[in-house]
Structures are given as C-alpha cells and as structure tokens.
Amino acid sequence: QVHLVESGGVLVQAWGSLRLSCAASGNIVRVNIMVWFRQAPGKQRELVADIVSGGETNYADSVKGRFDIYRDNPENTVYLQMNSLKPEDTAVYYCYANLHTTSSVRDYWGQGTQVTVSS
C-alpha cells in the first residue's frame, strides 16, 4: 500500500514564504515523477511544478522565480518552497506521483493541503 501525505499548508501574509512537503511511503522501487498541482475555488486544477527521477524540474510560468521544487530521494519526499507569495497563490495544493512499486507502476494523489495567502 502506497500513501502520499502532504503537509505545510497554512495561512500566510502576502510576500511571505512557506514550504510544503509530500512524503511517499510504501513498497516504492522508483519514483518516476512527483508533481505539485493546485486548485483555487472555482478554477481548474493546474500544474505548479514537477520533478522527474533525473532531477529535472518544470514550473508554471506564474510561479517561476518564486517557487522551488526539490526532492529528498532517500525519503521519497518532495518539497515545494514558495517565496514571495501572492493572494492568487491561494489554493488547495495536491501532490501527485507516478511510482514504480514492487507490483505495478501507477499514479497516486495526496489528500491536499490548503494554502491561504492574505493581502
């Protein structure tokens, strides 16, 4: 059984910083990709940043230069360091991973963590 558990979402003031964590646990052989998505009220879920097994990263234009995604490989944990936060960053942030386990390769989602940025 594989689980993704996010943490770190809180209420923060604009221009503040926050770090989200997503820990993957279970019979994981390899992490192919880990991704942070977010969904604001009334909007579609959107990709924020991703990191593949080789370490390459990708960011949405709206967060480039402000957010940083990185991994702690031994712990199968991905972090999203968010700086210079804006009210429009307010959303539920979800962690997604495509994992190779001892039995299959499949997608997993976390439960989401709320980030609220006040102006």
Protein backbone atom coordinates (compact mmCIF):
# COMPACT_ATOMS: atom_id res chain seq x y z
CA GLN A 1 0.00 0.00 0.00
CA VAL A 2 1.37 3.38 -1.06
CA HIS A 3 0.46 6.67 0.54
CA LEU A 4 1.20 10.30 -0.27
CA VAL A 5 0.89 12.63 2.69
CA GLU A 6 1.15 16.38 2.25
CA SER A 7 1.81 18.90 4.98
CA GLY A 8 2.72 22.53 5.45
CA GLY A 9 -0.32 24.43 4.28
CA VAL A 10 -1.23 27.39 6.47
CA LEU A 11 -2.45 30.98 6.36
CA VAL A 12 0.38 33.33 5.43
CA GLN A 13 0.63 37.01 4.57
CA ALA A 14 1.45 38.23 1.09
CA TRP A 15 5.18 38.27 0.28
CA GLY A 16 5.72 35.61 2.90
CA SER A 17 7.26 32.16 2.43
CA LEU A 18 6.03 28.65 3.00
CA ARG A 19 7.33 25.13 2.42
CA LEU A 20 5.06 22.23 1.54
CA SER A 21 6.09 18.62 1.96
CA CYS A 22 4.83 15.44 0.34
CA ALA A 23 6.07 12.13 1.66
CA ALA A 24 5.55 8.93 -0.29
CA SER A 25 5.60 5.72 1.67
CA GLY A 26 5.10 2.06 0.84
CA ASN A 27 6.73 -0.54 -1.39
CA ILE A 28 8.34 2.01 -3.68
CA VAL A 29 11.02 0.84 -6.08
CA ARG A 30 11.40 4.06 -8.02
CA VAL A 31 9.79 7.48 -8.19
CA ASN A 32 9.28 8.41 -11.82
CA ILE A 33 7.86 11.88 -11.28
CA MET A 34 6.44 13.95 -8.46
CA VAL A 35 4.23 16.91 -9.14
CA TRP A 36 2.56 19.70 -7.22
CA PHE A 37 -0.83 20.79 -8.52
CA ARG A 38 -3.15 23.40 -7.08
CA GLN A 39 -6.83 24.17 -7.34
CA ALA A 40 -8.33 27.50 -6.40
CA PRO A 41 -12.08 27.89 -5.75
CA GLY A 42 -13.99 27.89 -9.00
CA LYS A 43 -10.93 27.10 -11.07
CA GLN A 44 -9.48 24.02 -12.70
CA ARG A 45 -6.62 22.14 -11.13
CA GLU A 46 -3.33 23.37 -12.56
CA LEU A 47 0.24 22.16 -12.54
CA VAL A 48 2.54 24.17 -10.32
CA ALA A 49 5.86 22.33 -10.57
CA ASP A 50 7.25 18.88 -11.20
CA ILE A 51 10.47 16.97 -10.77
CA VAL A 52 11.43 13.78 -12.57
CA SER A 53 13.66 10.96 -11.45
CA GLY A 54 16.72 12.53 -13.05
CA GLY A 55 16.21 15.74 -11.14
CA GLU A 56 14.96 17.95 -13.97
CA THR A 57 12.30 20.40 -12.93
CA ASN A 58 9.48 22.25 -14.60
CA TYR A 59 7.42 25.22 -13.38
CA ALA A 60 4.26 27.02 -14.31
CA ASP A 61 5.01 30.49 -15.64
CA SER A 62 3.06 32.02 -12.77
CA VAL A 63 5.48 30.64 -10.16
CA LYS A 64 8.83 30.75 -11.96
CA GLY A 65 11.42 32.56 -9.90
CA ARG A 66 9.30 32.33 -6.76
CA PHE A 67 8.80 28.59 -6.17
CA ASP A 68 11.37 25.83 -5.96
CA ILE A 69 10.66 22.10 -6.11
CA TYR A 70 13.21 19.61 -4.82
CA ARG A 71 13.39 16.06 -3.55
CA ASP A 72 14.91 14.14 -0.68
CA ASN A 73 15.45 10.92 -2.58
CA PRO A 74 16.17 8.53 0.29
CA GLU A 75 12.98 9.63 1.98
CA ASN A 76 10.88 9.79 -1.21
CA THR A 77 9.78 13.22 -0.16
CA VAL A 78 9.21 16.21 -2.40
CA TYR A 79 9.18 19.79 -1.19
CA LEU A 80 7.75 22.96 -2.64
CA GLN A 81 9.46 26.08 -1.33
CA MET A 82 7.19 29.02 -2.00
CA ASN A 83 8.53 32.57 -1.71
CA SER A 84 7.06 35.99 -2.41
CA LEU A 85 3.58 34.53 -2.04
CA LYS A 86 0.65 36.37 -3.59
CA PRO A 87 -3.05 36.20 -2.80
CA GLU A 88 -3.57 34.48 -6.15
CA ASP A 89 -1.46 31.58 -4.87
CA THR A 90 -4.32 30.72 -2.52
CA ALA A 91 -5.47 27.20 -3.34
CA VAL A 92 -5.54 23.61 -2.21
CA TYR A 93 -2.18 22.14 -3.16
CA TYR A 94 -2.10 18.50 -4.18
CA CYS A 95 0.83 16.16 -4.52
CA TYR A 96 0.84 13.64 -7.35
CA ALA A 97 3.35 10.90 -8.04
CA ASN A 98 3.89 8.22 -10.62
CA LEU A 99 5.56 5.43 -8.73
CA HIS A 100 7.09 2.11 -9.61
CA THR A 101 6.24 -0.25 -6.75
CA THR A 102 7.05 -3.91 -6.26
CA SER A 103 3.82 -4.84 -8.04
CA SER A 104 2.95 -2.09 -10.54
CA VAL A 105 3.51 1.38 -11.97
CA ARG A 106 0.66 3.74 -11.23
CA ASP A 107 -0.46 7.20 -10.23
CA TYR A 108 -1.05 8.36 -6.69
CA TRP A 109 -2.57 11.51 -5.22
CA GLY A 110 -2.34 13.09 -1.82
CA GLN A 111 -5.29 14.48 0.08
CA GLY A 112 -4.36 18.12 -0.45
CA THR A 113 -3.23 20.90 1.85
CA GLN A 114 -4.77 24.37 2.00
CA VAL A 115 -2.59 27.41 1.39
CA THR A 116 -4.18 30.78 2.04
CA VAL A 117 -2.33 34.00 1.28
CA SER A 118 -3.81 37.13 2.79
CA SER A 119 -3.28 40.55 1.25
